[in-house]
C-alpha atoms as a PDB file:
ATOM      1  CA  MET A   1     113.717  87.695  83.369  1.00  0.00           C
ATOM      2  CA  GLY A   2     113.385  83.930  83.590  1.00  0.00           C
ATOM      3  CA  GLY A   3     114.248  82.158  86.801  1.00  0.00           C
ATOM      4  CA  PRO A   4     117.749  80.933  87.517  1.00  0.00           C
ATOM      5  CA  LYS A   5     118.369  77.370  88.533  1.00  0.00           C
ATOM      6  CA  SER A   6     118.891  76.839  92.237  1.00  0.00           C
ATOM      7  CA  GLY A   7     122.298  78.066  93.316  1.00  0.00           C
ATOM      8  CA  GLU A   8     122.801  80.332  90.283  1.00  0.00           C
ATOM      9  CA  GLY A   9     121.738  83.504  92.094  1.00  0.00           C
ATOM     10  CA  ASP A  10     125.269  84.838  92.586  1.00  0.00           C
ATOM     11  CA  GLY A  11     125.996  84.400  88.885  1.00  0.00           C
ATOM     12  CA  VAL A  12     122.840  86.279  87.967  1.00  0.00           C
ATOM     13  CA  LEU A  13     123.742  89.067  90.376  1.00  0.00           C
ATOM     14  CA  ASP A  14     127.256  89.171  88.901  1.00  0.00           C
ATOM     15  CA  VAL A  15     125.793  89.692  85.433  1.00  0.00           C
ATOM     16  CA  LEU A  16     123.301  92.303  86.638  1.00  0.00           C
ATOM     17  CA  SER A  17     125.966  94.194  88.590  1.00  0.00           C
ATOM     18  CA  SER A  18     128.146  94.384  85.480  1.00  0.00           C
ATOM     19  CA  MET A  19     125.406  96.361  83.689  1.00  0.00           C
ATOM     20  CA  SER A  20     126.517  99.873  84.592  1.00  0.00           C
ATOM     21  CA  ASN A  21     123.521 101.516  82.912  1.00  0.00           C
ATOM     22  CA  LEU A  22     120.909  99.328  84.638  1.00  0.00           C
ATOM     23  CA  LYS A  23     118.413 101.720  86.229  1.00  0.00           C
ATOM     24  CA  VAL A  24     115.179  99.704  86.503  1.00  0.00           C
ATOM     25  CA  LEU A  25     114.942  96.053  87.465  1.00  0.00           C
ATOM     26  CA  THR A  26     111.900  93.905  88.153  1.00  0.00           C
ATOM     27  CA  LEU A  27     112.482  90.434  89.544  1.00  0.00           C
ATOM     28  CA  MET A  28     109.130  89.930  91.270  1.00  0.00           C
ATOM     29  CA  GLY A  29     108.070  86.308  90.870  1.00  0.00           C
ATOM     30  CA  ASN A  30     111.613  85.221  90.063  1.00  0.00           C
ATOM     31  CA  PRO A  31     113.021  82.470  92.333  1.00  0.00           C
ATOM     32  CA  LEU A  32     116.048  84.717  92.898  1.00  0.00           C
ATOM     33  CA  VAL A  33     113.877  86.825  95.203  1.00  0.00           C
ATOM     34  CA  ARG A  34     113.206  83.878  97.527  1.00  0.00           C
ATOM     35  CA  GLU A  35     116.704  82.443  97.280  1.00  0.00           C
ATOM     36  CA  THR A  36     118.642  85.623  97.991  1.00  0.00           C
ATOM     37  CA  SER A  37     119.220  86.494 101.618  1.00  0.00           C
ATOM     38  CA  ASP A  38     118.300  90.137 102.304  1.00  0.00           C
ATOM     39  CA  TYR A  39     117.136  90.306  98.694  1.00  0.00           C
ATOM     40  CA  ARG A  40     116.469  94.033  98.309  1.00  0.00           C
ATOM     41  CA  ARG A  41     119.578  95.088 100.222  1.00  0.00           C
ATOM     42  CA  THR A  42     121.737  92.605  98.344  1.00  0.00           C
ATOM     43  CA  VAL A  43     120.510  93.634  94.902  1.00  0.00           C
ATOM     44  CA  LEU A  44     120.836  97.337  95.705  1.00  0.00           C
ATOM     45  CA  SER A  45     124.351  96.864  97.030  1.00  0.00           C
ATOM     46  CA  ARG A  46     125.364  94.959  93.903  1.00  0.00           C
ATOM     47  CA  CYS A  47     123.520  97.174  91.394  1.00  0.00           C
ATOM     48  CA  GLY A  48     124.367 100.648  92.608  1.00  0.00           C
ATOM     49  CA  GLU A  49     122.768 102.607  89.776  1.00  0.00           C
ATOM     50  CA  LEU A  50     119.236 101.249  90.198  1.00  0.00           C
ATOM     51  CA  THR A  51     116.543 103.875  90.553  1.00  0.00           C
ATOM     52  CA  TYR A  52     113.675 101.342  90.703  1.00  0.00           C
ATOM     53  CA  LEU A  53     113.669  97.796  92.029  1.00  0.00           C
ATOM     54  CA  ASP A  54     110.531  95.725  91.696  1.00  0.00           C
ATOM     55  CA  GLN A  55     108.457  98.777  90.773  1.00  0.00           C
ATOM     56  CA  ARG A  56     109.495 100.645  93.925  1.00  0.00           C
ATOM     57  CA  PRO A  57     111.714 103.707  93.733  1.00  0.00           C
ATOM     58  CA  VAL A  58     115.124 103.621  95.347  1.00  0.00           C
ATOM     59  CA  GLY A  59     115.371 106.879  97.260  1.00  0.00           C
ATOM     60  CA  GLU A  60     118.310 108.699  98.736  1.00  0.00           C
ATOM     61  CA  LYS A  61     117.503 107.484 102.265  1.00  0.00           C
ATOM     62  CA  GLU A  62     117.232 103.850 101.192  1.00  0.00           C
ATOM     63  CA  ARG A  63     120.456 104.087  99.186  1.00  0.00           C
ATOM     64  CA  GLY A  64     122.322 105.578 102.151  1.00  0.00           C
ATOM     65  CA  ALA A  65     120.892 103.018 104.566  1.00  0.00           C
ATOM     66  CA  ASN A  66     121.845 100.254 102.167  1.00  0.00           C
ATOM     67  CA  ASP A  67     125.402 101.574 101.867  1.00  0.00           C
ATOM     68  CA  ALA A  68     125.628 101.660 105.673  1.00  0.00           C
ATOM     69  CA  TRP A  69     124.294  98.078 105.868  1.00  0.00           C
ATOM     70  CA  LYS A  70     126.815  96.955 103.259  1.00  0.00           C
ATOM     71  CA  SER A  71     129.760  98.425 105.166  1.00  0.00           C
ATOM     72  CA  GLY A  72     128.677  97.876 108.773  1.00  0.00           C
ATOM     73  CA  GLY A  73     125.666  95.587 109.005  1.00  0.00           C
ATOM     74  CA  LEU A  74     122.323  96.179 110.681  1.00  0.00           C
ATOM     75  CA  GLU A  75     123.689  98.400 113.438  1.00  0.00           C
ATOM     76  CA  ALA A  76     125.274 100.774 110.917  1.00  0.00           C
ATOM     77  CA  GLU A  77     122.038 100.826 108.931  1.00  0.00           C
ATOM     78  CA  ARG A  78     120.048 101.605 112.076  1.00  0.00           C
ATOM     79  CA  THR A  79     122.443 104.400 113.021  1.00  0.00           C
ATOM     80  CA  PHE A  80     122.213 105.890 109.536  1.00  0.00           C
ATOM     81  CA  LYS A  81     118.403 105.862 109.621  1.00  0.00           C
ATOM     82  CA  GLU A  82     118.302 107.460 113.075  1.00  0.00           C
ATOM     83  CA  GLU A  83     120.654 110.221 111.934  1.00  0.00           C
ATOM     84  CA  TRP A  84     118.679 110.714 108.713  1.00  0.00           C
ATOM     85  CA  ASN A  85     115.428 111.031 110.681  1.00  0.00           C
ATOM     86  CA  ARG A  86     117.050 113.448 113.125  1.00  0.00           C
ATOM     87  CA  ARG A  87     118.217 115.666 110.256  1.00  0.00           C
ATOM     88  CA  GLU A  88     114.759 115.557 108.635  1.00  0.00           C
ATOM     89  CA  GLN A  89     113.076 116.502 111.912  1.00  0.00           C
ATOM     90  CA  GLN A  90     115.553 119.360 112.315  1.00  0.00           C
ATOM     91  CA  LYS A  91     114.694 120.647 108.817  1.00  0.00           C
ATOM     92  CA  ILE A  92     110.998 120.599 109.675  1.00  0.00           C
ATOM     93  CA  TYR A  93     111.619 122.365 112.977  1.00  0.00           C
ATOM     94  CA  ASN A  94     113.757 125.010 111.272  1.00  0.00           C
ATOM     95  CA  GLY A  95     111.025 125.554 108.689  1.00  0.00           C
ATOM     96  CA  VAL A  96     108.365 126.031 111.352  1.00  0.00           C
ATOM     97  CA  VAL A  97     110.589 128.448 113.272  1.00  0.00           C
ATOM     98  CA  ALA A  98     111.247 130.426 110.090  1.00  0.00           C
ATOM     99  CA  LEU A  99     107.492 130.682 109.406  1.00  0.00           C
ATOM    100  CA  MET A 100     106.854 131.980 112.911  1.00  0.00           C
ATOM    101  CA  ARG A 101     109.261 134.915 112.504  1.00  0.00           C
END
């Protein structure tokens, strides 16, 4: 994708977010990356169906953290990640306990 002119980032994101089947997007090297505050979070929150952004997969944890950030800011994102990690640690613990039986 060619680079937008300065100040056109929101328009580009509007167009991208209207593409409901957009799954993979690579903007590396595009000025939009530098010009967009919280670039990855912003693009993921606007383009909810992406599975890859800039050649990196968008996983379930990142999607959930991004949704939390979108609705409640950094503190909500931090809380989501802490809870996610707690649940993952509990799964591991439960697996180890089950193996020991």
